ModelCIF file with pLDDT and N, C-alpha, C, O atoms, coordinates in Angstrom:
data_MODEL
#
_entry.id   MODEL 
#
_entity.id                         1 
_entity.type                       polymer 
_entity.pdbx_number_of_molecules   1 
#
_entity_poly.entity_id                      1 
_entity_poly.type                           'polypeptide(L)' 
_entity_poly.nstd_linkage                   no 
_entity_poly.nstd_monomer                   no 
_entity_poly.pdbx_seq_one_letter_code       
;(UNK)(UNK)(UNK)(UNK)(UNK)(UNK)(UNK)(UNK)(UNK)(UNK)(UNK)(UNK)(UNK)(UNK)(UNK)(UNK)
(UNK)(UNK)(UNK)(UNK)(UNK)(UNK)(UNK)(UNK)(UNK)(UNK)(UNK)(UNK)(UNK)(UNK)(UNK)(UNK)
(UNK)(UNK)(UNK)(UNK)(UNK)(UNK)(UNK)(UNK)(UNK)(UNK)(UNK)(UNK)(UNK)(UNK)(UNK)
;
_entity_poly.pdbx_seq_one_letter_code_can   XXXXXXXXXXXXXXXXXXXXXXXXXXXXXXXXXXXXXXXXXXXXXXX 
_entity_poly.pdbx_strand_id                 A 
#
loop_
_entity_poly_seq.entity_id 
_entity_poly_seq.num 
_entity_poly_seq.mon_id 
_entity_poly_seq.hetero 
1 1  UNK n 
1 2  UNK n 
1 3  UNK n 
1 4  UNK n 
1 5  UNK n 
1 6  UNK n 
1 7  UNK n 
1 8  UNK n 
1 9  UNK n 
1 10 UNK n 
1 11 UNK n 
1 12 UNK n 
1 13 UNK n 
1 14 UNK n 
1 15 UNK n 
1 16 UNK n 
1 17 UNK n 
1 18 UNK n 
1 19 UNK n 
1 20 UNK n 
1 21 UNK n 
1 22 UNK n 
1 23 UNK n 
1 24 UNK n 
1 25 UNK n 
1 26 UNK n 
1 27 UNK n 
1 28 UNK n 
1 29 UNK n 
1 30 UNK n 
1 31 UNK n 
1 32 UNK n 
1 33 UNK n 
1 34 UNK n 
1 35 UNK n 
1 36 UNK n 
1 37 UNK n 
1 38 UNK n 
1 39 UNK n 
1 40 UNK n 
1 41 UNK n 
1 42 UNK n 
1 43 UNK n 
1 44 UNK n 
1 45 UNK n 
1 46 UNK n 
1 47 UNK n 
#
_struct_asym.id          A 
_struct_asym.entity_id   1 
#
loop_
_ma_qa_metric.id 
_ma_qa_metric.mode 
_ma_qa_metric.name 
_ma_qa_metric.software_group_id 
_ma_qa_metric.type 
1 global pLDDT . pLDDT 
2 local  pLDDT . pLDDT 
#
_ma_qa_metric_global.metric_id      1 
_ma_qa_metric_global.metric_value   96.87 
_ma_qa_metric_global.model_id       1 
_ma_qa_metric_global.ordinal_id     1 
#
loop_
_ma_qa_metric_local.label_asym_id 
_ma_qa_metric_local.label_comp_id 
_ma_qa_metric_local.label_seq_id 
_ma_qa_metric_local.metric_id 
_ma_qa_metric_local.metric_value 
_ma_qa_metric_local.model_id 
_ma_qa_metric_local.ordinal_id 
A UNK 1  2 97.00 1 1  
A UNK 2  2 98.00 1 2  
A UNK 3  2 98.00 1 3  
A UNK 4  2 98.00 1 4  
A UNK 5  2 98.00 1 5  
A UNK 6  2 97.00 1 6  
A UNK 7  2 96.00 1 7  
A UNK 8  2 97.00 1 8  
A UNK 9  2 98.00 1 9  
A UNK 10 2 98.00 1 10 
A UNK 11 2 98.00 1 11 
A UNK 12 2 98.00 1 12 
A UNK 13 2 97.00 1 13 
A UNK 14 2 95.00 1 14 
A UNK 15 2 95.00 1 15 
A UNK 16 2 93.00 1 16 
A UNK 17 2 94.00 1 17 
A UNK 18 2 94.00 1 18 
A UNK 19 2 94.00 1 19 
A UNK 20 2 95.00 1 20 
A UNK 21 2 97.00 1 21 
A UNK 22 2 96.00 1 22 
A UNK 23 2 97.00 1 23 
A UNK 24 2 98.00 1 24 
A UNK 25 2 98.00 1 25 
A UNK 26 2 98.00 1 26 
A UNK 27 2 98.00 1 27 
A UNK 28 2 98.00 1 28 
A UNK 29 2 97.00 1 29 
A UNK 30 2 97.00 1 30 
A UNK 31 2 98.00 1 31 
A UNK 32 2 98.00 1 32 
A UNK 33 2 98.00 1 33 
A UNK 34 2 98.00 1 34 
A UNK 35 2 97.00 1 35 
A UNK 36 2 97.00 1 36 
A UNK 37 2 98.00 1 37 
A UNK 38 2 98.00 1 38 
A UNK 39 2 98.00 1 39 
A UNK 40 2 98.00 1 40 
A UNK 41 2 98.00 1 41 
A UNK 42 2 98.00 1 42 
A UNK 43 2 97.00 1 43 
A UNK 44 2 97.00 1 44 
A UNK 45 2 97.00 1 45 
A UNK 46 2 95.00 1 46 
A UNK 47 2 91.00 1 47 
#
loop_
_atom_site.group_PDB 
_atom_site.id 
_atom_site.type_symbol 
_atom_site.label_atom_id 
_atom_site.label_alt_id 
_atom_site.label_comp_id 
_atom_site.label_asym_id 
_atom_site.label_entity_id 
_atom_site.label_seq_id 
_atom_site.pdbx_PDB_ins_code 
_atom_site.Cartn_x 
_atom_site.Cartn_y 
_atom_site.Cartn_z 
_atom_site.occupancy 
_atom_site.B_iso_or_equiv 
_atom_site.pdbx_formal_charge 
_atom_site.auth_seq_id 
_atom_site.auth_comp_id 
_atom_site.auth_asym_id 
_atom_site.auth_atom_id 
_atom_site.pdbx_PDB_model_num 
ATOM 1   N N  . UNK A 1 1  ? 26.445 3.731  40.894 1.00 97.00 ? 1  UNK A N  1 
ATOM 2   C CA . UNK A 1 1  ? 26.890 5.071  41.242 1.00 97.00 ? 1  UNK A CA 1 
ATOM 3   C C  . UNK A 1 1  ? 26.086 6.196  40.636 1.00 97.00 ? 1  UNK A C  1 
ATOM 4   O O  . UNK A 1 1  ? 25.004 5.995  40.084 1.00 97.00 ? 1  UNK A O  1 
ATOM 5   N N  . UNK A 1 2  ? 26.654 7.403  40.755 1.00 98.00 ? 2  UNK A N  1 
ATOM 6   C CA . UNK A 1 2  ? 26.059 8.599  40.177 1.00 98.00 ? 2  UNK A CA 1 
ATOM 7   C C  . UNK A 1 2  ? 26.491 8.749  38.722 1.00 98.00 ? 2  UNK A C  1 
ATOM 8   O O  . UNK A 1 2  ? 27.526 8.227  38.307 1.00 98.00 ? 2  UNK A O  1 
ATOM 9   N N  . UNK A 1 3  ? 25.682 9.470  37.962 1.00 98.00 ? 3  UNK A N  1 
ATOM 10  C CA . UNK A 1 3  ? 26.098 9.984  36.659 1.00 98.00 ? 3  UNK A CA 1 
ATOM 11  C C  . UNK A 1 3  ? 26.043 11.501 36.740 1.00 98.00 ? 3  UNK A C  1 
ATOM 12  O O  . UNK A 1 3  ? 25.015 12.077 37.095 1.00 98.00 ? 3  UNK A O  1 
ATOM 13  N N  . UNK A 1 4  ? 27.165 12.148 36.404 1.00 98.00 ? 4  UNK A N  1 
ATOM 14  C CA . UNK A 1 4  ? 27.266 13.608 36.482 1.00 98.00 ? 4  UNK A CA 1 
ATOM 15  C C  . UNK A 1 4  ? 27.738 14.145 35.144 1.00 98.00 ? 4  UNK A C  1 
ATOM 16  O O  . UNK A 1 4  ? 28.705 13.634 34.579 1.00 98.00 ? 4  UNK A O  1 
ATOM 17  N N  . UNK A 1 5  ? 27.064 15.175 34.624 1.00 98.00 ? 5  UNK A N  1 
ATOM 18  C CA . UNK A 1 5  ? 27.438 15.788 33.353 1.00 98.00 ? 5  UNK A CA 1 
ATOM 19  C C  . UNK A 1 5  ? 27.576 17.289 33.516 1.00 98.00 ? 5  UNK A C  1 
ATOM 20  O O  . UNK A 1 5  ? 27.037 17.887 34.447 1.00 98.00 ? 5  UNK A O  1 
ATOM 21  N N  . UNK A 1 6  ? 28.327 17.897 32.567 1.00 97.00 ? 6  UNK A N  1 
ATOM 22  C CA . UNK A 1 6  ? 28.453 19.354 32.590 1.00 97.00 ? 6  UNK A CA 1 
ATOM 23  C C  . UNK A 1 6  ? 28.626 19.892 31.178 1.00 97.00 ? 6  UNK A C  1 
ATOM 24  O O  . UNK A 1 6  ? 29.207 19.239 30.312 1.00 97.00 ? 6  UNK A O  1 
ATOM 25  N N  . UNK A 1 7  ? 28.110 21.092 30.968 1.00 96.00 ? 7  UNK A N  1 
ATOM 26  C CA . UNK A 1 7  ? 28.240 21.838 29.706 1.00 96.00 ? 7  UNK A CA 1 
ATOM 27  C C  . UNK A 1 7  ? 27.841 20.971 28.503 1.00 96.00 ? 7  UNK A C  1 
ATOM 28  O O  . UNK A 1 7  ? 26.863 20.228 28.589 1.00 96.00 ? 7  UNK A O  1 
ATOM 29  N N  . UNK A 1 8  ? 28.564 21.048 27.400 1.00 97.00 ? 8  UNK A N  1 
ATOM 30  C CA . UNK A 1 8  ? 28.215 20.267 26.214 1.00 97.00 ? 8  UNK A CA 1 
ATOM 31  C C  . UNK A 1 8  ? 28.644 18.822 26.425 1.00 97.00 ? 8  UNK A C  1 
ATOM 32  O O  . UNK A 1 8  ? 29.802 18.474 26.193 1.00 97.00 ? 8  UNK A O  1 
ATOM 33  N N  . UNK A 1 9  ? 27.721 17.988 26.859 1.00 98.00 ? 9  UNK A N  1 
ATOM 34  C CA . UNK A 1 9  ? 28.070 16.655 27.335 1.00 98.00 ? 9  UNK A CA 1 
ATOM 35  C C  . UNK A 1 9  ? 27.813 15.561 26.300 1.00 98.00 ? 9  UNK A C  1 
ATOM 36  O O  . UNK A 1 9  ? 28.741 14.846 25.921 1.00 98.00 ? 9  UNK A O  1 
ATOM 37  N N  . UNK A 1 10 ? 26.567 15.417 25.835 1.00 98.00 ? 10 UNK A N  1 
ATOM 38  C CA . UNK A 1 10 ? 26.189 14.274 25.003 1.00 98.00 ? 10 UNK A CA 1 
ATOM 39  C C  . UNK A 1 10 ? 25.387 14.760 23.804 1.00 98.00 ? 10 UNK A C  1 
ATOM 40  O O  . UNK A 1 10 ? 24.489 15.591 23.945 1.00 98.00 ? 10 UNK A O  1 
ATOM 41  N N  . UNK A 1 11 ? 25.714 14.237 22.620 1.00 98.00 ? 11 UNK A N  1 
ATOM 42  C CA . UNK A 1 11 ? 25.029 14.684 21.399 1.00 98.00 ? 11 UNK A CA 1 
ATOM 43  C C  . UNK A 1 11 ? 24.884 13.516 20.421 1.00 98.00 ? 11 UNK A C  1 
ATOM 44  O O  . UNK A 1 11 ? 25.855 12.830 20.102 1.00 98.00 ? 11 UNK A O  1 
ATOM 45  N N  . UNK A 1 12 ? 23.634 13.303 19.949 1.00 98.00 ? 12 UNK A N  1 
ATOM 46  C CA . UNK A 1 12 ? 23.339 12.261 18.954 1.00 98.00 ? 12 UNK A CA 1 
ATOM 47  C C  . UNK A 1 12 ? 22.391 12.866 17.916 1.00 98.00 ? 12 UNK A C  1 
ATOM 48  O O  . UNK A 1 12 ? 21.217 12.502 17.848 1.00 98.00 ? 12 UNK A O  1 
ATOM 49  N N  . UNK A 1 13 ? 22.912 13.788 17.115 1.00 97.00 ? 13 UNK A N  1 
ATOM 50  C CA . UNK A 1 13 ? 22.094 14.592 16.210 1.00 97.00 ? 13 UNK A CA 1 
ATOM 51  C C  . UNK A 1 13 ? 22.185 14.126 14.762 1.00 97.00 ? 13 UNK A C  1 
ATOM 52  O O  . UNK A 1 13 ? 23.172 13.524 14.337 1.00 97.00 ? 13 UNK A O  1 
ATOM 53  N N  . UNK A 1 14 ? 21.118 14.426 14.018 1.00 95.00 ? 14 UNK A N  1 
ATOM 54  C CA . UNK A 1 14 ? 21.094 14.308 12.553 1.00 95.00 ? 14 UNK A CA 1 
ATOM 55  C C  . UNK A 1 14 ? 20.065 15.344 12.099 1.00 95.00 ? 14 UNK A C  1 
ATOM 56  O O  . UNK A 1 14 ? 18.864 15.074 12.133 1.00 95.00 ? 14 UNK A O  1 
ATOM 57  N N  . UNK A 1 15 ? 20.512 16.509 11.680 1.00 95.00 ? 15 UNK A N  1 
ATOM 58  C CA . UNK A 1 15 ? 19.606 17.638 11.489 1.00 95.00 ? 15 UNK A CA 1 
ATOM 59  C C  . UNK A 1 15 ? 19.456 18.098 10.041 1.00 95.00 ? 15 UNK A C  1 
ATOM 60  O O  . UNK A 1 15 ? 18.727 19.053 9.773  1.00 95.00 ? 15 UNK A O  1 
ATOM 61  N N  . UNK A 1 16 ? 20.134 17.433 9.105  1.00 93.00 ? 16 UNK A N  1 
ATOM 62  C CA . UNK A 1 16 ? 19.915 17.776 7.704  1.00 93.00 ? 16 UNK A CA 1 
ATOM 63  C C  . UNK A 1 16 ? 18.532 17.309 7.259  1.00 93.00 ? 16 UNK A C  1 
ATOM 64  O O  . UNK A 1 16 ? 17.897 16.498 7.933  1.00 93.00 ? 16 UNK A O  1 
ATOM 65  N N  . UNK A 1 17 ? 18.071 17.824 6.126  1.00 94.00 ? 17 UNK A N  1 
ATOM 66  C CA . UNK A 1 17 ? 16.722 17.581 5.634  1.00 94.00 ? 17 UNK A CA 1 
ATOM 67  C C  . UNK A 1 17 ? 16.334 16.102 5.665  1.00 94.00 ? 17 UNK A C  1 
ATOM 68  O O  . UNK A 1 17 ? 17.081 15.246 5.191  1.00 94.00 ? 17 UNK A O  1 
ATOM 69  N N  . UNK A 1 18 ? 15.160 15.809 6.228  1.00 94.00 ? 18 UNK A N  1 
ATOM 70  C CA . UNK A 1 18 ? 14.638 14.451 6.257  1.00 94.00 ? 18 UNK A CA 1 
ATOM 71  C C  . UNK A 1 18 ? 15.242 13.540 7.302  1.00 94.00 ? 18 UNK A C  1 
ATOM 72  O O  . UNK A 1 18 ? 14.952 12.344 7.306  1.00 94.00 ? 18 UNK A O  1 
ATOM 73  N N  . UNK A 1 19 ? 16.069 14.062 8.187  1.00 94.00 ? 19 UNK A N  1 
ATOM 74  C CA . UNK A 1 19 ? 16.808 13.211 9.125  1.00 94.00 ? 19 UNK A CA 1 
ATOM 75  C C  . UNK A 1 19 ? 16.077 13.024 10.452 1.00 94.00 ? 19 UNK A C  1 
ATOM 76  O O  . UNK A 1 19 ? 15.199 13.806 10.819 1.00 94.00 ? 19 UNK A O  1 
ATOM 77  N N  . UNK A 1 20 ? 16.467 11.964 11.159 1.00 95.00 ? 20 UNK A N  1 
ATOM 78  C CA . UNK A 1 20 ? 15.846 11.586 12.413 1.00 95.00 ? 20 UNK A CA 1 
ATOM 79  C C  . UNK A 1 20 ? 16.863 11.696 13.549 1.00 95.00 ? 20 UNK A C  1 
ATOM 80  O O  . UNK A 1 20 ? 18.015 11.285 13.412 1.00 95.00 ? 20 UNK A O  1 
ATOM 81  N N  . UNK A 1 21 ? 16.425 12.247 14.648 1.00 97.00 ? 21 UNK A N  1 
ATOM 82  C CA . UNK A 1 21 ? 17.298 12.367 15.810 1.00 97.00 ? 21 UNK A CA 1 
ATOM 83  C C  . UNK A 1 21 ? 17.678 11.016 16.370 1.00 97.00 ? 21 UNK A C  1 
ATOM 84  O O  . UNK A 1 21 ? 16.987 10.022 16.148 1.00 97.00 ? 21 UNK A O  1 
ATOM 85  N N  . UNK A 1 22 ? 18.778 10.983 17.097 1.00 96.00 ? 22 UNK A N  1 
ATOM 86  C CA . UNK A 1 22 ? 19.283 9.742  17.659 1.00 96.00 ? 22 UNK A CA 1 
ATOM 87  C C  . UNK A 1 22 ? 18.628 9.383  18.980 1.00 96.00 ? 22 UNK A C  1 
ATOM 88  O O  . UNK A 1 22 ? 17.564 9.892  19.333 1.00 96.00 ? 22 UNK A O  1 
ATOM 89  N N  . UNK A 1 23 ? 19.293 8.492  19.700 1.00 97.00 ? 23 UNK A N  1 
ATOM 90  C CA . UNK A 1 23 ? 18.783 7.989  20.979 1.00 97.00 ? 23 UNK A CA 1 
ATOM 91  C C  . UNK A 1 23 ? 19.850 8.172  22.046 1.00 97.00 ? 23 UNK A C  1 
ATOM 92  O O  . UNK A 1 23 ? 20.993 7.749  21.870 1.00 97.00 ? 23 UNK A O  1 
ATOM 93  N N  . UNK A 1 24 ? 19.473 8.804  23.154 1.00 98.00 ? 24 UNK A N  1 
ATOM 94  C CA . UNK A 1 24 ? 20.365 8.966  24.306 1.00 98.00 ? 24 UNK A CA 1 
ATOM 95  C C  . UNK A 1 24 ? 19.690 8.335  25.516 1.00 98.00 ? 24 UNK A C  1 
ATOM 96  O O  . UNK A 1 24 ? 18.566 8.693  25.869 1.00 98.00 ? 24 UNK A O  1 
ATOM 97  N N  . UNK A 1 25 ? 20.387 7.392  26.148 1.00 98.00 ? 25 UNK A N  1 
ATOM 98  C CA . UNK A 1 25 ? 19.893 6.722  27.351 1.00 98.00 ? 25 UNK A CA 1 
ATOM 99  C C  . UNK A 1 25 ? 20.912 6.956  28.459 1.00 98.00 ? 25 UNK A C  1 
ATOM 100 O O  . UNK A 1 25 ? 22.088 6.630  28.297 1.00 98.00 ? 25 UNK A O  1 
ATOM 101 N N  . UNK A 1 26 ? 20.477 7.515  29.578 1.00 98.00 ? 26 UNK A N  1 
ATOM 102 C CA . UNK A 1 26 ? 21.359 7.750  30.724 1.00 98.00 ? 26 UNK A CA 1 
ATOM 103 C C  . UNK A 1 26 ? 20.708 7.114  31.944 1.00 98.00 ? 26 UNK A C  1 
ATOM 104 O O  . UNK A 1 26 ? 19.571 7.437  32.289 1.00 98.00 ? 26 UNK A O  1 
ATOM 105 N N  . UNK A 1 27 ? 21.437 6.203  32.598 1.00 98.00 ? 27 UNK A N  1 
ATOM 106 C CA . UNK A 1 27 ? 20.893 5.486  33.746 1.00 98.00 ? 27 UNK A CA 1 
ATOM 107 C C  . UNK A 1 27 ? 21.898 5.499  34.889 1.00 98.00 ? 27 UNK A C  1 
ATOM 108 O O  . UNK A 1 27 ? 23.087 5.253  34.688 1.00 98.00 ? 27 UNK A O  1 
ATOM 109 N N  . UNK A 1 28 ? 21.409 5.787  36.083 1.00 98.00 ? 28 UNK A N  1 
ATOM 110 C CA . UNK A 1 28 ? 22.277 5.886  37.258 1.00 98.00 ? 28 UNK A CA 1 
ATOM 111 C C  . UNK A 1 28 ? 21.722 5.045  38.395 1.00 98.00 ? 28 UNK A C  1 
ATOM 112 O O  . UNK A 1 28 ? 20.535 5.115  38.712 1.00 98.00 ? 28 UNK A O  1 
ATOM 113 N N  . UNK A 1 29 ? 22.596 4.246  39.007 1.00 97.00 ? 29 UNK A N  1 
ATOM 114 C CA . UNK A 1 29 ? 22.193 3.472  40.172 1.00 97.00 ? 29 UNK A CA 1 
ATOM 115 C C  . UNK A 1 29 ? 21.955 4.335  41.393 1.00 97.00 ? 29 UNK A C  1 
ATOM 116 O O  . UNK A 1 29 ? 21.273 3.916  42.328 1.00 97.00 ? 29 UNK A O  1 
ATOM 117 N N  . UNK A 1 30 ? 22.516 5.554  41.394 1.00 97.00 ? 30 UNK A N  1 
ATOM 118 C CA . UNK A 1 30 ? 22.303 6.532  42.453 1.00 97.00 ? 30 UNK A CA 1 
ATOM 119 C C  . UNK A 1 30 ? 21.730 7.799  41.805 1.00 97.00 ? 30 UNK A C  1 
ATOM 120 O O  . UNK A 1 30 ? 20.841 7.694  40.959 1.00 97.00 ? 30 UNK A O  1 
ATOM 121 N N  . UNK A 1 31 ? 22.206 8.978  42.172 1.00 98.00 ? 31 UNK A N  1 
ATOM 122 C CA . UNK A 1 31 ? 21.671 10.224 41.616 1.00 98.00 ? 31 UNK A CA 1 
ATOM 123 C C  . UNK A 1 31 ? 22.143 10.453 40.187 1.00 98.00 ? 31 UNK A C  1 
ATOM 124 O O  . UNK A 1 31 ? 23.231 10.028 39.798 1.00 98.00 ? 31 UNK A O  1 
ATOM 125 N N  . UNK A 1 32 ? 21.305 11.131 39.419 1.00 98.00 ? 32 UNK A N  1 
ATOM 126 C CA . UNK A 1 32 ? 21.652 11.556 38.059 1.00 98.00 ? 32 UNK A CA 1 
ATOM 127 C C  . UNK A 1 32 ? 21.704 13.073 38.075 1.00 98.00 ? 32 UNK A C  1 
ATOM 128 O O  . UNK A 1 32 ? 20.676 13.736 38.211 1.00 98.00 ? 32 UNK A O  1 
ATOM 129 N N  . UNK A 1 33 ? 22.916 13.625 37.935 1.00 98.00 ? 33 UNK A N  1 
ATOM 130 C CA . UNK A 1 33 ? 23.136 15.058 38.123 1.00 98.00 ? 33 UNK A CA 1 
ATOM 131 C C  . UNK A 1 33 ? 23.484 15.670 36.764 1.00 98.00 ? 33 UNK A C  1 
ATOM 132 O O  . UNK A 1 33 ? 24.645 15.662 36.354 1.00 98.00 ? 33 UNK A O  1 
ATOM 133 N N  . UNK A 1 34 ? 22.480 16.197 36.074 1.00 98.00 ? 34 UNK A N  1 
ATOM 134 C CA . UNK A 1 34 ? 22.726 16.805 34.770 1.00 98.00 ? 34 UNK A CA 1 
ATOM 135 C C  . UNK A 1 34 ? 23.429 18.158 34.889 1.00 98.00 ? 34 UNK A C  1 
ATOM 136 O O  . UNK A 1 34 ? 24.115 18.577 33.957 1.00 98.00 ? 34 UNK A O  1 
ATOM 137 N N  . UNK A 1 35 ? 23.268 18.845 36.024 1.00 97.00 ? 35 UNK A N  1 
ATOM 138 C CA . UNK A 1 35 ? 23.850 20.170 36.167 1.00 97.00 ? 35 UNK A CA 1 
ATOM 139 C C  . UNK A 1 35 ? 23.327 21.106 35.097 1.00 97.00 ? 35 UNK A C  1 
ATOM 140 O O  . UNK A 1 35 ? 22.127 21.140 34.823 1.00 97.00 ? 35 UNK A O  1 
ATOM 141 N N  . UNK A 1 36 ? 24.238 21.875 34.485 1.00 97.00 ? 36 UNK A N  1 
ATOM 142 C CA . UNK A 1 36 ? 23.854 22.787 33.401 1.00 97.00 ? 36 UNK A CA 1 
ATOM 143 C C  . UNK A 1 36 ? 24.214 22.202 32.038 1.00 97.00 ? 36 UNK A C  1 
ATOM 144 O O  . UNK A 1 36 ? 24.489 22.944 31.095 1.00 97.00 ? 36 UNK A O  1 
ATOM 145 N N  . UNK A 1 37 ? 24.213 20.890 31.935 1.00 98.00 ? 37 UNK A N  1 
ATOM 146 C CA . UNK A 1 37 ? 24.680 20.220 30.723 1.00 98.00 ? 37 UNK A CA 1 
ATOM 147 C C  . UNK A 1 37 ? 23.660 20.295 29.597 1.00 98.00 ? 37 UNK A C  1 
ATOM 148 O O  . UNK A 1 37 ? 22.454 20.398 29.821 1.00 98.00 ? 37 UNK A O  1 
ATOM 149 N N  . UNK A 1 38 ? 24.189 20.239 28.376 1.00 98.00 ? 38 UNK A N  1 
ATOM 150 C CA . UNK A 1 38 ? 23.376 20.089 27.173 1.00 98.00 ? 38 UNK A CA 1 
ATOM 151 C C  . UNK A 1 38 ? 23.422 18.631 26.741 1.00 98.00 ? 38 UNK A C  1 
ATOM 152 O O  . UNK A 1 38 ? 24.490 18.066 26.506 1.00 98.00 ? 38 UNK A O  1 
ATOM 153 N N  . UNK A 1 39 ? 22.236 18.034 26.643 1.00 98.00 ? 39 UNK A N  1 
ATOM 154 C CA . UNK A 1 39 ? 22.069 16.666 26.146 1.00 98.00 ? 39 UNK A CA 1 
ATOM 155 C C  . UNK A 1 39 ? 21.175 16.773 24.911 1.00 98.00 ? 39 UNK A C  1 
ATOM 156 O O  . UNK A 1 39 ? 20.041 17.239 25.018 1.00 98.00 ? 39 UNK A O  1 
ATOM 157 N N  . UNK A 1 40 ? 21.663 16.351 23.742 1.00 98.00 ? 40 UNK A N  1 
ATOM 158 C CA . UNK A 1 40 ? 20.914 16.539 22.502 1.00 98.00 ? 40 UNK A CA 1 
ATOM 159 C C  . UNK A 1 40 ? 20.734 15.227 21.743 1.00 98.00 ? 40 UNK A C  1 
ATOM 160 O O  . UNK A 1 40 ? 21.629 14.383 21.691 1.00 98.00 ? 40 UNK A O  1 
ATOM 161 N N  . UNK A 1 41 ? 19.527 15.084 21.148 1.00 98.00 ? 41 UNK A N  1 
ATOM 162 C CA . UNK A 1 41 ? 19.231 14.018 20.194 1.00 98.00 ? 41 UNK A CA 1 
ATOM 163 C C  . UNK A 1 41 ? 18.299 14.629 19.146 1.00 98.00 ? 41 UNK A C  1 
ATOM 164 O O  . UNK A 1 41 ? 17.146 14.221 19.014 1.00 98.00 ? 41 UNK A O  1 
ATOM 165 N N  . UNK A 1 42 ? 18.807 15.598 18.415 1.00 98.00 ? 42 UNK A N  1 
ATOM 166 C CA . UNK A 1 42 ? 17.982 16.414 17.525 1.00 98.00 ? 42 UNK A CA 1 
ATOM 167 C C  . UNK A 1 42 ? 17.896 15.829 16.124 1.00 98.00 ? 42 UNK A C  1 
ATOM 168 O O  . UNK A 1 42 ? 18.872 15.302 15.589 1.00 98.00 ? 42 UNK A O  1 
ATOM 169 N N  . UNK A 1 43 ? 16.701 15.935 15.539 1.00 97.00 ? 43 UNK A N  1 
ATOM 170 C CA . UNK A 1 43 ? 16.482 15.590 14.152 1.00 97.00 ? 43 UNK A CA 1 
ATOM 171 C C  . UNK A 1 43 ? 16.133 16.822 13.345 1.00 97.00 ? 43 UNK A C  1 
ATOM 172 O O  . UNK A 1 43 ? 16.232 17.945 13.841 1.00 97.00 ? 43 UNK A O  1 
ATOM 173 N N  . UNK A 1 44 ? 15.724 16.615 12.100 1.00 97.00 ? 44 UNK A N  1 
ATOM 174 C CA . UNK A 1 44 ? 15.387 17.714 11.200 1.00 97.00 ? 44 UNK A CA 1 
ATOM 175 C C  . UNK A 1 44 ? 13.926 18.144 11.393 1.00 97.00 ? 44 UNK A C  1 
ATOM 176 O O  . UNK A 1 44 ? 13.102 17.385 11.903 1.00 97.00 ? 44 UNK A O  1 
ATOM 177 N N  . UNK A 1 45 ? 13.633 19.361 10.977 1.00 97.00 ? 45 UNK A N  1 
ATOM 178 C CA . UNK A 1 45 ? 12.264 19.877 10.963 1.00 97.00 ? 45 UNK A CA 1 
ATOM 179 C C  . UNK A 1 45 ? 11.763 20.114 9.543  1.00 97.00 ? 45 UNK A C  1 
ATOM 180 O O  . UNK A 1 45 ? 10.756 20.793 9.343  1.00 97.00 ? 45 UNK A O  1 
ATOM 181 N N  . UNK A 1 46 ? 12.462 19.557 8.562  1.00 95.00 ? 46 UNK A N  1 
ATOM 182 C CA . UNK A 1 46 ? 12.035 19.679 7.167  1.00 95.00 ? 46 UNK A CA 1 
ATOM 183 C C  . UNK A 1 46 ? 12.518 18.449 6.415  1.00 95.00 ? 46 UNK A C  1 
ATOM 184 O O  . UNK A 1 46 ? 13.378 17.712 6.896  1.00 95.00 ? 46 UNK A O  1 
ATOM 185 N N  . UNK A 1 47 ? 11.949 18.231 5.214  1.00 91.00 ? 47 UNK A N  1 
ATOM 186 C CA . UNK A 1 47 ? 12.486 17.142 4.411  1.00 91.00 ? 47 UNK A CA 1 
ATOM 187 C C  . UNK A 1 47 ? 11.493 16.201 3.786  1.00 91.00 ? 47 UNK A C  1 
ATOM 188 O O  . UNK A 1 47 ? 11.885 15.260 3.096  1.00 91.00 ? 47 UNK A O  1 
#
């Protein structure tokens, strides 16, 4: 099927000093409709 997301949808963050962002995998057998969603896997920029 489809995967549909909206607004603040998926988050795998680690943003404190020295940290590494996570992993987000999204797979759809049909359409993948992110819309205006926020998908995050953020890490740190210092550390």
